[in-house]
Amino acid sequence: MMLHVRFIPILFGLIFITYILPSCDKNEILSPDIPEETEDSTAIEMLGTGSFVFDSYAPLSNKPVEVFYHVPLTATAYSPILFVLHGGGRDGMQNRDQLINKADQHNCILVCPTFSSDYYPGGDSYNLGNIFVDGDNPSSSSLNPQSEWTFAVFEPLFDKIRASCISNVSVYDVMGFSAGAQVAHRFMIFSLNARINRIVAAASGWYTVLNNEITFPYGLAESPAEQLDLSLLFSKKLYVIVGSNDNDENAPGLRRNDIVDLQGLNRLDRAQHFYDEAQNSATSLSSAFNWEHHILPNVGHEFMGNSYFGMDLLY
C-alpha cells in the first residue's frame, strides 16, 4: 500500500516518481531492518484518510494492529508524523476522525493504531506494554522478550508509514490520552533508542515514577530500567498535561490502592506528583530537565480538549 502526500495523475505517476523524485529512492527512506517487500510496488492512490492492518513485524505478526491514518492534502515529505495512542475505549478510528481538522491545521500526518483487546488484552498488554506476563508482579522469570513488548510495534510501523508517504522525516511524535498516556510515558522510559522526537502524556490515570526504590509498575525497581541513567530521560521532551477538572477520585477505571494513591487520589494530583518527582531527581543529579507540565483550565477527562492542546504544544 502506498499513501501519497499529493495527487499524482495516474498517466504520469511512474514518470514523476522515477524522474522528478530521485531523492525518494527506497534505499534512502527504508530502515535497513525493514524487508524490501514492505514497499508495495502497486501504488494505490489515497484521498488522505484511510486504514490498513499492520502485521509485518514478525515477533507480533499474530497480533495485528489496525492503523487509521490521515495525510493532509498539503503534506510534504517533511510533514511531521504523529502517533496518537487511544485510551481504554481502544478506538483509533474515532481518535483520527476527531483530529483530522487539527492535523490539517498543523499539516501533520496522523497515525492512530488500534490495539484490540483481542490481541492486547487488559492493562498488562496495553497500558504496561507487555513488558511482563503479569505487570503487577514483575519477576525475571515473567519478563517477556523485548521484541514482544507492545512498544516494539511503533518503530517498524513508523518505517512503514515513512516509506508509504515518501517521507524524509527521521523522527516521530507520540501523543497518548488516558490509557494511551500510560503507554506513551512508559514507551519513552523503556525504549530509549526509539526515534521519538517529543511525547505528550495527556490525562494518564497513574504513572511509572522514575524512582528505582519503588517496584514496577509504580516505579523502576525490578524492571529493565532499574539501573537506567535517569538523565537520559530528563533530556527527552515530554509534556505532562491534564485538565484542571480531571480531579474525580472515583472516576471510572481510575486505579486505586495504597501504593498508587501515594501519587495522589486523582489524575490532576498524580500528574503533578510525577512531574515534581522527576524535576527533583533531575535537580539532585544536576541534570538538564526538558519536561513541561501543563494544567488545562476548565478541561476534564476528555479526549478533544487534551488532544487539541497537545497538538498545539507540538506544532
C-alpha atoms as a PDB file:
ATOM      1  CA  MET A   1       0.000   0.000   0.000  1.00  0.00           C
ATOM      2  CA  MET A   2       1.268   3.479  -0.857  1.00  0.00           C
ATOM      3  CA  LEU A   3      -0.037   6.690   0.625  1.00  0.00           C
ATOM      4  CA  HIS A   4       0.690   9.866  -1.350  1.00  0.00           C
ATOM      5  CA  VAL A   5       1.136  13.335   0.072  1.00  0.00           C
ATOM      6  CA  ARG A   6      -0.088  14.938  -3.110  1.00  0.00           C
ATOM      7  CA  PHE A   7      -2.267  13.875  -6.022  1.00  0.00           C
ATOM      8  CA  ILE A   8      -0.291  12.361  -8.902  1.00  0.00           C
ATOM      9  CA  PRO A   9      -2.244  11.763 -12.104  1.00  0.00           C
ATOM     10  CA  ILE A  10      -2.157   8.077 -12.933  1.00  0.00           C
ATOM     11  CA  LEU A  11      -0.956   8.677 -16.501  1.00  0.00           C
ATOM     12  CA  PHE A  12       2.230  10.394 -15.314  1.00  0.00           C
ATOM     13  CA  GLY A  13       2.645   8.729 -11.905  1.00  0.00           C
ATOM     14  CA  LEU A  14       5.530   6.444 -12.743  1.00  0.00           C
ATOM     15  CA  ILE A  15       7.352   9.140 -14.716  1.00  0.00           C
ATOM     16  CA  PHE A  16       7.028  11.569 -11.800  1.00  0.00           C
ATOM     17  CA  ILE A  17       8.365   9.114  -9.254  1.00  0.00           C
ATOM     18  CA  THR A  18      11.244   7.996 -11.469  1.00  0.00           C
ATOM     19  CA  TYR A  19      12.480  11.360 -12.723  1.00  0.00           C
ATOM     20  CA  ILE A  20      11.120  14.140 -10.528  1.00  0.00           C
ATOM     21  CA  LEU A  21      11.690  12.493  -7.128  1.00  0.00           C
ATOM     22  CA  PRO A  22      15.090  10.793  -7.349  1.00  0.00           C
ATOM     23  CA  SER A  23      15.812  11.711  -3.712  1.00  0.00           C
ATOM     24  CA  CYS A  24      12.969   9.444  -2.592  1.00  0.00           C
ATOM     25  CA  ASP A  25      14.723   6.255  -3.629  1.00  0.00           C
ATOM     26  CA  LYS A  26      13.569   3.414  -1.390  1.00  0.00           C
ATOM     27  CA  ASN A  27      17.092   2.876  -0.120  1.00  0.00           C
ATOM     28  CA  GLU A  28      17.021   6.359   1.378  1.00  0.00           C
ATOM     29  CA  ILE A  29      13.696   6.086   3.177  1.00  0.00           C
ATOM     30  CA  LEU A  30      13.510   2.481   4.331  1.00  0.00           C
ATOM     31  CA  SER A  31      15.165   1.334   7.516  1.00  0.00           C
ATOM     32  CA  PRO A  32      17.746  -1.404   6.829  1.00  0.00           C
ATOM     33  CA  ASP A  33      15.776  -3.600   9.232  1.00  0.00           C
ATOM     34  CA  ILE A  34      12.581  -3.417   7.191  1.00  0.00           C
ATOM     35  CA  PRO A  35      12.333  -6.067   4.459  1.00  0.00           C
ATOM     36  CA  GLU A  36      12.116  -4.929   0.860  1.00  0.00           C
ATOM     37  CA  GLU A  37       8.629  -6.318   0.378  1.00  0.00           C
ATOM     38  CA  THR A  38       7.071  -3.803   2.787  1.00  0.00           C
ATOM     39  CA  GLU A  39       7.225  -1.264  -0.046  1.00  0.00           C
ATOM     40  CA  ASP A  40       4.170  -2.081  -2.156  1.00  0.00           C
ATOM     41  CA  SER A  41       5.010  -1.653  -5.834  1.00  0.00           C
ATOM     42  CA  THR A  42       1.327  -1.354  -6.775  1.00  0.00           C
ATOM     43  CA  ALA A  43       0.712   2.239  -5.754  1.00  0.00           C
ATOM     44  CA  ILE A  44      -2.857   2.839  -4.569  1.00  0.00           C
ATOM     45  CA  GLU A  45      -3.964   6.468  -4.677  1.00  0.00           C
ATOM     46  CA  MET A  46      -5.450   7.520  -1.323  1.00  0.00           C
ATOM     47  CA  LEU A  47      -7.651  10.502  -0.620  1.00  0.00           C
ATOM     48  CA  GLY A  48      -5.835  11.383   2.577  1.00  0.00           C
ATOM     49  CA  THR A  49      -7.844   9.327   5.071  1.00  0.00           C
ATOM     50  CA  GLY A  50      -7.906   5.562   5.398  1.00  0.00           C
ATOM     51  CA  SER A  51      -6.765   2.481   7.274  1.00  0.00           C
ATOM     52  CA  PHE A  52      -4.739  -0.687   6.921  1.00  0.00           C
ATOM     53  CA  VAL A  53      -3.802  -3.700   9.015  1.00  0.00           C
ATOM     54  CA  PHE A  54      -0.190  -3.799  10.162  1.00  0.00           C
ATOM     55  CA  ASP A  55       1.092  -7.318  10.768  1.00  0.00           C
ATOM     56  CA  SER A  56       4.515  -7.334   9.106  1.00  0.00           C
ATOM     57  CA  TYR A  57       6.510  -7.044  12.349  1.00  0.00           C
ATOM     58  CA  ALA A  58       7.456 -10.706  12.747  1.00  0.00           C
ATOM     59  CA  PRO A  59       7.536 -11.104  16.560  1.00  0.00           C
ATOM     60  CA  LEU A  60       3.984  -9.713  16.837  1.00  0.00           C
ATOM     61  CA  SER A  61       2.624 -10.783  13.453  1.00  0.00           C
ATOM     62  CA  ASN A  62      -0.017 -12.839  15.250  1.00  0.00           C
ATOM     63  CA  LYS A  63      -1.232  -9.656  16.951  1.00  0.00           C
ATOM     64  CA  PRO A  64      -2.233  -7.381  14.051  1.00  0.00           C
ATOM     65  CA  VAL A  65      -2.844  -3.696  14.651  1.00  0.00           C
ATOM     66  CA  GLU A  66      -5.409  -1.792  12.618  1.00  0.00           C
ATOM     67  CA  VAL A  67      -3.954   1.597  11.748  1.00  0.00           C
ATOM     68  CA  PHE A  68      -6.139   4.604  10.943  1.00  0.00           C
ATOM     69  CA  TYR A  69      -4.340   7.472   9.258  1.00  0.00           C
ATOM     70  CA  HIS A  70      -4.886  10.908   7.800  1.00  0.00           C
ATOM     71  CA  VAL A  71      -2.472  12.583   5.392  1.00  0.00           C
ATOM     72  CA  PRO A  72      -3.327  16.260   4.765  1.00  0.00           C
ATOM     73  CA  LEU A  73      -3.575  17.217   1.106  1.00  0.00           C
ATOM     74  CA  THR A  74      -0.961  19.894   1.781  1.00  0.00           C
ATOM     75  CA  ALA A  75       1.506  17.463   3.395  1.00  0.00           C
ATOM     76  CA  THR A  76       5.081  17.347   2.156  1.00  0.00           C
ATOM     77  CA  ALA A  77       7.991  14.977   2.584  1.00  0.00           C
ATOM     78  CA  TYR A  78       8.873  16.953   5.711  1.00  0.00           C
ATOM     79  CA  SER A  79       5.466  16.985   7.406  1.00  0.00           C
ATOM     80  CA  PRO A  80       5.735  15.692  10.992  1.00  0.00           C
ATOM     81  CA  ILE A  81       4.330  12.264  11.797  1.00  0.00           C
ATOM     82  CA  LEU A  82       2.223  11.971  14.948  1.00  0.00           C
ATOM     83  CA  PHE A  83       1.285   8.685  16.593  1.00  0.00           C
ATOM     84  CA  VAL A  84      -1.933   9.041  18.613  1.00  0.00           C
ATOM     85  CA  LEU A  85      -2.474   6.369  21.272  1.00  0.00           C
ATOM     86  CA  HIS A  86      -6.069   5.735  22.280  1.00  0.00           C
ATOM     87  CA  GLY A  87      -7.468   5.380  25.762  1.00  0.00           C
ATOM     88  CA  GLY A  88      -9.383   2.474  27.229  1.00  0.00           C
ATOM     89  CA  GLY A  89     -12.063   2.736  24.546  1.00  0.00           C
ATOM     90  CA  ARG A  90      -9.495   1.420  22.033  1.00  0.00           C
ATOM     91  CA  ASP A  91     -10.921   3.338  19.098  1.00  0.00           C
ATOM     92  CA  GLY A  92      -8.191   4.624  16.809  1.00  0.00           C
ATOM     93  CA  MET A  93     -10.680   5.443  14.071  1.00  0.00           C
ATOM     94  CA  GLN A  94     -12.659   7.790  16.297  1.00  0.00           C
ATOM     95  CA  ASN A  95      -9.471   9.457  17.517  1.00  0.00           C
ATOM     96  CA  ARG A  96      -8.324  10.026  13.939  1.00  0.00           C
ATOM     97  CA  ASP A  97     -11.691  11.419  12.858  1.00  0.00           C
ATOM     98  CA  GLN A  98     -11.762  13.834  15.789  1.00  0.00           C
ATOM     99  CA  LEU A  99      -8.293  15.176  14.966  1.00  0.00           C
ATOM    100  CA  ILE A 100      -8.469  15.493  11.177  1.00  0.00           C
ATOM    101  CA  ASN A 101      -9.137  19.235  11.216  1.00  0.00           C
ATOM    102  CA  LYS A 102      -6.334  19.816  13.706  1.00  0.00           C
ATOM    103  CA  ALA A 103      -3.954  17.720  11.623  1.00  0.00           C
ATOM    104  CA  ASP A 104      -4.859  19.754   8.546  1.00  0.00           C
ATOM    105  CA  GLN A 105      -4.246  22.956  10.506  1.00  0.00           C
ATOM    106  CA  HIS A 106      -0.768  21.827  11.557  1.00  0.00           C
ATOM    107  CA  ASN A 107      -0.039  19.893   8.352  1.00  0.00           C
ATOM    108  CA  CYS A 108       0.932  16.757  10.258  1.00  0.00           C
ATOM    109  CA  ILE A 109       0.348  13.120   9.370  1.00  0.00           C
ATOM    110  CA  LEU A 110      -1.885  11.281  11.851  1.00  0.00           C
ATOM    111  CA  VAL A 111      -1.203   7.648  12.688  1.00  0.00           C
ATOM    112  CA  CYS A 112      -3.805   6.196  15.053  1.00  0.00           C
ATOM    113  CA  PRO A 113      -3.282   2.479  15.749  1.00  0.00           C
ATOM    114  CA  THR A 114      -5.942   0.400  17.481  1.00  0.00           C
ATOM    115  CA  PHE A 115      -4.656  -2.177  19.927  1.00  0.00           C
ATOM    116  CA  SER A 116      -7.594  -4.550  20.039  1.00  0.00           C
ATOM    117  CA  SER A 117      -8.397  -6.240  23.334  1.00  0.00           C
ATOM    118  CA  ASP A 118      -8.499  -9.485  21.342  1.00  0.00           C
ATOM    119  CA  TYR A 119      -4.738  -9.299  20.831  1.00  0.00           C
ATOM    120  CA  TYR A 120      -3.658  -6.897  23.581  1.00  0.00           C
ATOM    121  CA  PRO A 121      -5.981  -7.777  26.467  1.00  0.00           C
ATOM    122  CA  GLY A 122      -6.140  -5.831  29.695  1.00  0.00           C
ATOM    123  CA  GLY A 123      -3.691  -3.422  31.196  1.00  0.00           C
ATOM    124  CA  ASP A 124      -0.729  -5.806  31.109  1.00  0.00           C
ATOM    125  CA  SER A 125      -0.674  -5.966  27.308  1.00  0.00           C
ATOM    126  CA  TYR A 126      -1.574  -2.332  26.590  1.00  0.00           C
ATOM    127  CA  ASN A 127      -1.067   0.122  29.466  1.00  0.00           C
ATOM    128  CA  LEU A 128       2.011  -1.691  30.801  1.00  0.00           C
ATOM    129  CA  GLY A 129       3.412  -2.562  27.389  1.00  0.00           C
ATOM    130  CA  ASN A 130       3.536  -6.349  27.806  1.00  0.00           C
ATOM    131  CA  ILE A 131       6.919  -5.997  29.498  1.00  0.00           C
ATOM    132  CA  PHE A 132       5.938  -8.715  31.960  1.00  0.00           C
ATOM    133  CA  VAL A 133       3.425 -11.533  31.764  1.00  0.00           C
ATOM    134  CA  ASP A 134       1.898 -10.024  34.905  1.00  0.00           C
ATOM    135  CA  GLY A 135       2.890  -6.389  35.152  1.00  0.00           C
ATOM    136  CA  ASP A 136       1.717  -6.069  38.742  1.00  0.00           C
ATOM    137  CA  ASN A 137       4.015  -8.889  39.838  1.00  0.00           C
ATOM    138  CA  PRO A 138       7.284  -8.397  37.939  1.00  0.00           C
ATOM    139  CA  SER A 139       9.984 -11.043  38.054  1.00  0.00           C
ATOM    140  CA  SER A 140      12.875 -12.169  35.907  1.00  0.00           C
ATOM    141  CA  SER A 141      11.010 -15.375  35.086  1.00  0.00           C
ATOM    142  CA  SER A 142       7.949 -13.494  33.820  1.00  0.00           C
ATOM    143  CA  LEU A 143       9.860 -10.866  31.805  1.00  0.00           C
ATOM    144  CA  ASN A 144       8.823 -11.034  28.151  1.00  0.00           C
ATOM    145  CA  PRO A 145      11.386 -10.684  25.328  1.00  0.00           C
ATOM    146  CA  GLN A 146      11.807  -7.033  24.377  1.00  0.00           C
ATOM    147  CA  SER A 147      10.814  -7.874  20.809  1.00  0.00           C
ATOM    148  CA  GLU A 148       7.375  -8.819  22.125  1.00  0.00           C
ATOM    149  CA  TRP A 149       6.751  -5.682  24.131  1.00  0.00           C
ATOM    150  CA  THR A 150       3.824  -3.706  22.764  1.00  0.00           C
ATOM    151  CA  PHE A 151       6.149  -0.729  22.248  1.00  0.00           C
ATOM    152  CA  ALA A 152       8.087  -2.774  19.672  1.00  0.00           C
ATOM    153  CA  VAL A 153       5.332  -2.200  17.107  1.00  0.00           C
ATOM    154  CA  PHE A 154       5.991   1.521  16.779  1.00  0.00           C
ATOM    155  CA  GLU A 155       9.420   1.540  15.145  1.00  0.00           C
ATOM    156  CA  PRO A 156       8.604  -0.782  12.199  1.00  0.00           C
ATOM    157  CA  LEU A 157       5.222   0.911  11.832  1.00  0.00           C
ATOM    158  CA  PHE A 158       6.993   4.264  11.596  1.00  0.00           C
ATOM    159  CA  ASP A 159       9.190   2.902   8.815  1.00  0.00           C
ATOM    160  CA  LYS A 160       6.114   1.605   7.019  1.00  0.00           C
ATOM    161  CA  ILE A 161       4.406   4.998   7.207  1.00  0.00           C
ATOM    162  CA  ARG A 162       7.579   6.830   6.256  1.00  0.00           C
ATOM    163  CA  ALA A 163       8.094   4.680   3.176  1.00  0.00           C
ATOM    164  CA  SER A 164       4.452   4.812   2.158  1.00  0.00           C
ATOM    165  CA  CYS A 165       4.319   8.596   2.446  1.00  0.00           C
ATOM    166  CA  ILE A 166       7.695   9.065   0.731  1.00  0.00           C
ATOM    167  CA  SER A 167       8.672  10.958   3.867  1.00  0.00           C
ATOM    168  CA  ASN A 168      12.081  12.379   4.695  1.00  0.00           C
ATOM    169  CA  VAL A 169      11.446  12.814   8.432  1.00  0.00           C
ATOM    170  CA  SER A 170      13.651  10.724  10.694  1.00  0.00           C
ATOM    171  CA  VAL A 171      11.724  11.030  13.972  1.00  0.00           C
ATOM    172  CA  TYR A 172       8.112  10.944  15.105  1.00  0.00           C
ATOM    173  CA  ASP A 173       5.979  12.426  17.862  1.00  0.00           C
ATOM    174  CA  VAL A 174       3.766  10.449  20.240  1.00  0.00           C
ATOM    175  CA  MET A 175       0.606  11.639  21.976  1.00  0.00           C
ATOM    176  CA  GLY A 176      -1.362   9.391  24.301  1.00  0.00           C
ATOM    177  CA  PHE A 177      -4.597  10.075  26.144  1.00  0.00           C
ATOM    178  CA  SER A 178      -5.613   8.344  29.391  1.00  0.00           C
ATOM    179  CA  ALA A 179      -4.531   4.693  28.999  1.00  0.00           C
ATOM    180  CA  GLY A 180      -2.639   5.842  25.903  1.00  0.00           C
ATOM    181  CA  ALA A 181      -0.738   8.327  28.072  1.00  0.00           C
ATOM    182  CA  GLN A 182       0.343   5.413  30.240  1.00  0.00           C
ATOM    183  CA  VAL A 183       1.652   3.682  27.126  1.00  0.00           C
ATOM    184  CA  ALA A 184       3.332   6.880  25.901  1.00  0.00           C
ATOM    185  CA  HIS A 185       5.361   7.670  29.007  1.00  0.00           C
ATOM    186  CA  ARG A 186       6.362   4.027  29.519  1.00  0.00           C
ATOM    187  CA  PHE A 187       7.362   3.812  25.863  1.00  0.00           C
ATOM    188  CA  MET A 188       9.737   6.698  26.499  1.00  0.00           C
ATOM    189  CA  ILE A 189      11.162   5.055  29.635  1.00  0.00           C
ATOM    190  CA  PHE A 190      11.661   1.565  28.252  1.00  0.00           C
ATOM    191  CA  SER A 191      12.587   2.338  24.632  1.00  0.00           C
ATOM    192  CA  LEU A 192      15.423   4.836  24.844  1.00  0.00           C
ATOM    193  CA  ASN A 193      16.679   4.059  21.347  1.00  0.00           C
ATOM    194  CA  ALA A 194      13.331   4.670  19.665  1.00  0.00           C
ATOM    195  CA  ARG A 195      13.265   7.562  17.214  1.00  0.00           C
ATOM    196  CA  ILE A 196      10.845   9.566  19.328  1.00  0.00           C
ATOM    197  CA  ASN A 197      11.053  13.318  18.971  1.00  0.00           C
ATOM    198  CA  ARG A 198       8.508  14.540  21.543  1.00  0.00           C
ATOM    199  CA  ILE A 199       5.907  12.893  23.764  1.00  0.00           C
ATOM    200  CA  VAL A 200       2.605  14.171  25.120  1.00  0.00           C
ATOM    201  CA  ALA A 201       1.198  12.201  28.058  1.00  0.00           C
ATOM    202  CA  ALA A 202      -2.335  13.545  28.490  1.00  0.00           C
ATOM    203  CA  ALA A 203      -4.539  12.677  31.466  1.00  0.00           C
ATOM    204  CA  SER A 204      -2.776   9.494  32.493  1.00  0.00           C
ATOM    205  CA  GLY A 205      -4.538   7.629  35.276  1.00  0.00           C
ATOM    206  CA  TRP A 206      -1.243   6.893  37.027  1.00  0.00           C
ATOM    207  CA  TYR A 207       2.464   6.672  36.278  1.00  0.00           C
ATOM    208  CA  THR A 208       5.654   4.676  36.495  1.00  0.00           C
ATOM    209  CA  VAL A 209       7.547   7.160  38.650  1.00  0.00           C
ATOM    210  CA  LEU A 210      11.269   7.495  37.946  1.00  0.00           C
ATOM    211  CA  ASN A 211      12.326   6.048  41.279  1.00  0.00           C
ATOM    212  CA  ASN A 212      14.343   2.832  41.491  1.00  0.00           C
ATOM    213  CA  GLU A 213      13.299   2.255  45.102  1.00  0.00           C
ATOM    214  CA  ILE A 214       9.654   1.754  44.116  1.00  0.00           C
ATOM    215  CA  THR A 215       8.754  -1.555  42.474  1.00  0.00           C
ATOM    216  CA  PHE A 216       7.362  -1.664  38.942  1.00  0.00           C
ATOM    217  CA  PRO A 217       4.783  -0.791  37.691  1.00  0.00           C
ATOM    218  CA  TYR A 218       4.697   2.174  40.106  1.00  0.00           C
ATOM    219  CA  GLY A 219       8.458   2.726  39.938  1.00  0.00           C
ATOM    220  CA  LEU A 220      11.528   1.287  38.237  1.00  0.00           C
ATOM    221  CA  ALA A 221      12.661  -1.373  40.730  1.00  0.00           C
ATOM    222  CA  GLU A 222      12.501  -4.951  39.407  1.00  0.00           C
ATOM    223  CA  SER A 223      12.154  -3.604  35.863  1.00  0.00           C
ATOM    224  CA  PRO A 224      14.576  -3.491  32.893  1.00  0.00           C
ATOM    225  CA  ALA A 225      15.009   0.248  33.576  1.00  0.00           C
ATOM    226  CA  GLU A 226      16.053  -0.154  37.213  1.00  0.00           C
ATOM    227  CA  GLN A 227      19.678   0.865  36.552  1.00  0.00           C
ATOM    228  CA  LEU A 228      18.878   3.407  33.865  1.00  0.00           C
ATOM    229  CA  ASP A 229      20.716   6.726  33.817  1.00  0.00           C
ATOM    230  CA  LEU A 230      17.741   8.974  34.534  1.00  0.00           C
ATOM    231  CA  SER A 231      19.430  11.990  32.977  1.00  0.00           C
ATOM    232  CA  LEU A 232      18.813  10.324  29.605  1.00  0.00           C
ATOM    233  CA  LEU A 233      15.080  10.506  30.282  1.00  0.00           C
ATOM    234  CA  PHE A 234      15.154  14.022  31.661  1.00  0.00           C
ATOM    235  CA  SER A 235      16.757  15.193  28.422  1.00  0.00           C
ATOM    236  CA  LYS A 236      13.728  13.956  26.458  1.00  0.00           C
ATOM    237  CA  LYS A 237      10.964  16.379  25.508  1.00  0.00           C
ATOM    238  CA  LEU A 238       7.946  15.193  27.491  1.00  0.00           C
ATOM    239  CA  TYR A 239       4.764  17.198  28.003  1.00  0.00           C
ATOM    240  CA  VAL A 240       2.721  16.050  31.005  1.00  0.00           C
ATOM    241  CA  ILE A 241      -0.728  17.569  30.592  1.00  0.00           C
ATOM    242  CA  VAL A 242      -4.008  17.207  32.468  1.00  0.00           C
ATOM    243  CA  GLY A 243      -7.277  19.119  32.778  1.00  0.00           C
ATOM    244  CA  SER A 244      -7.922  21.222  35.863  1.00  0.00           C
ATOM    245  CA  ASN A 245     -11.272  19.464  36.264  1.00  0.00           C
ATOM    246  CA  ASP A 246      -9.809  15.954  35.988  1.00  0.00           C
ATOM    247  CA  ASN A 247      -9.945  15.624  39.757  1.00  0.00           C
ATOM    248  CA  ASP A 248     -12.532  12.913  40.381  1.00  0.00           C
ATOM    249  CA  GLU A 249     -11.186  10.457  42.952  1.00  0.00           C
ATOM    250  CA  ASN A 250     -13.862   7.944  41.959  1.00  0.00           C
ATOM    251  CA  ALA A 251     -13.560   8.260  38.182  1.00  0.00           C
ATOM    252  CA  PRO A 252     -14.412   5.049  36.306  1.00  0.00           C
ATOM    253  CA  GLY A 253     -11.324   2.986  35.549  1.00  0.00           C
ATOM    254  CA  LEU A 254      -9.055   5.018  37.840  1.00  0.00           C
ATOM    255  CA  ARG A 255      -6.701   2.659  39.668  1.00  0.00           C
ATOM    256  CA  ARG A 256      -6.861   2.970  43.439  1.00  0.00           C
ATOM    257  CA  ASN A 257      -4.761   1.147  46.029  1.00  0.00           C
ATOM    258  CA  ASP A 258      -2.398   2.009  48.866  1.00  0.00           C
ATOM    259  CA  ILE A 259       0.635   2.210  46.580  1.00  0.00           C
ATOM    260  CA  VAL A 260      -0.745   4.159  43.632  1.00  0.00           C
ATOM    261  CA  ASP A 261      -2.568   6.556  45.953  1.00  0.00           C
ATOM    262  CA  LEU A 262       0.831   7.799  47.102  1.00  0.00           C
ATOM    263  CA  GLN A 263       0.920   9.531  43.705  1.00  0.00           C
ATOM    264  CA  GLY A 264      -2.322  11.343  44.549  1.00  0.00           C
ATOM    265  CA  LEU A 265      -6.000  10.496  44.575  1.00  0.00           C
ATOM    266  CA  ASN A 266      -6.912  11.761  41.115  1.00  0.00           C
ATOM    267  CA  ARG A 267      -5.369  12.359  37.697  1.00  0.00           C
ATOM    268  CA  LEU A 268      -4.712  16.036  38.366  1.00  0.00           C
ATOM    269  CA  ASP A 269      -2.674  15.366  41.501  1.00  0.00           C
ATOM    270  CA  ARG A 270      -0.906  12.345  40.031  1.00  0.00           C
ATOM    271  CA  ALA A 271       0.325  14.312  37.023  1.00  0.00           C
ATOM    272  CA  GLN A 272       1.755  16.941  39.373  1.00  0.00           C
ATOM    273  CA  HIS A 273       3.415  14.259  41.503  1.00  0.00           C
ATOM    274  CA  PHE A 274       5.001  12.512  38.513  1.00  0.00           C
ATOM    275  CA  TYR A 275       6.399  15.777  37.191  1.00  0.00           C
ATOM    276  CA  ASP A 276       7.604  17.037  40.585  1.00  0.00           C
ATOM    277  CA  GLU A 277       9.369  13.765  41.408  1.00  0.00           C
ATOM    278  CA  ALA A 278      11.185  13.867  38.079  1.00  0.00           C
ATOM    279  CA  GLN A 279      12.146  17.515  38.460  1.00  0.00           C
ATOM    280  CA  ASN A 280      13.501  16.903  41.969  1.00  0.00           C
ATOM    281  CA  SER A 281      15.544  13.948  40.739  1.00  0.00           C
ATOM    282  CA  ALA A 282      16.944  15.987  37.864  1.00  0.00           C
ATOM    283  CA  THR A 283      17.953  18.727  40.286  1.00  0.00           C
ATOM    284  CA  SER A 284      19.709  16.250  42.575  1.00  0.00           C
ATOM    285  CA  LEU A 285      21.593  14.845  39.577  1.00  0.00           C
ATOM    286  CA  SER A 286      22.406  18.320  38.217  1.00  0.00           C
ATOM    287  CA  SER A 287      20.797  17.093  35.023  1.00  0.00           C
ATOM    288  CA  ALA A 288      19.170  19.064  32.242  1.00  0.00           C
ATOM    289  CA  PHE A 289      15.386  18.842  32.523  1.00  0.00           C
ATOM    290  CA  ASN A 290      13.350  19.304  29.357  1.00  0.00           C
ATOM    291  CA  TRP A 291       9.935  18.232  30.600  1.00  0.00           C
ATOM    292  CA  GLU A 292       6.929  20.513  30.819  1.00  0.00           C
ATOM    293  CA  HIS A 293       3.790  20.273  32.936  1.00  0.00           C
ATOM    294  CA  HIS A 294       0.575  21.952  31.823  1.00  0.00           C
ATOM    295  CA  ILE A 295      -2.795  22.154  33.575  1.00  0.00           C
ATOM    296  CA  LEU A 296      -5.598  22.886  31.119  1.00  0.00           C
ATOM    297  CA  PRO A 297      -8.165  25.337  32.543  1.00  0.00           C
ATOM    298  CA  ASN A 298     -11.769  24.091  32.676  1.00  0.00           C
ATOM    299  CA  VAL A 299     -10.924  20.791  30.967  1.00  0.00           C
ATOM    300  CA  GLY A 300     -11.979  17.445  32.396  1.00  0.00           C
ATOM    301  CA  HIS A 301     -11.134  13.916  31.351  1.00  0.00           C
ATOM    302  CA  GLU A 302     -11.877  14.473  27.686  1.00  0.00           C
ATOM    303  CA  PHE A 303     -10.007  13.436  24.582  1.00  0.00           C
ATOM    304  CA  MET A 304     -10.652  16.507  22.437  1.00  0.00           C
ATOM    305  CA  GLY A 305      -9.651  19.154  24.960  1.00  0.00           C
ATOM    306  CA  ASN A 306      -6.437  17.368  25.883  1.00  0.00           C
ATOM    307  CA  SER A 307      -5.508  16.374  22.341  1.00  0.00           C
ATOM    308  CA  TYR A 308      -6.104  19.779  20.768  1.00  0.00           C
ATOM    309  CA  PHE A 309      -3.955  21.370  23.457  1.00  0.00           C
ATOM    310  CA  GLY A 310      -1.306  18.684  22.985  1.00  0.00           C
ATOM    311  CA  MET A 311      -1.126  19.191  19.228  1.00  0.00           C
ATOM    312  CA  ASP A 312      -0.853  22.950  19.689  1.00  0.00           C
ATOM    313  CA  LEU A 313       2.078  22.353  22.045  1.00  0.00           C
ATOM    314  CA  LEU A 314       3.787  20.137  19.491  1.00  0.00           C
ATOM    315  CA  TYR A 315       3.143  22.232  16.386  1.00  0.00           C
END
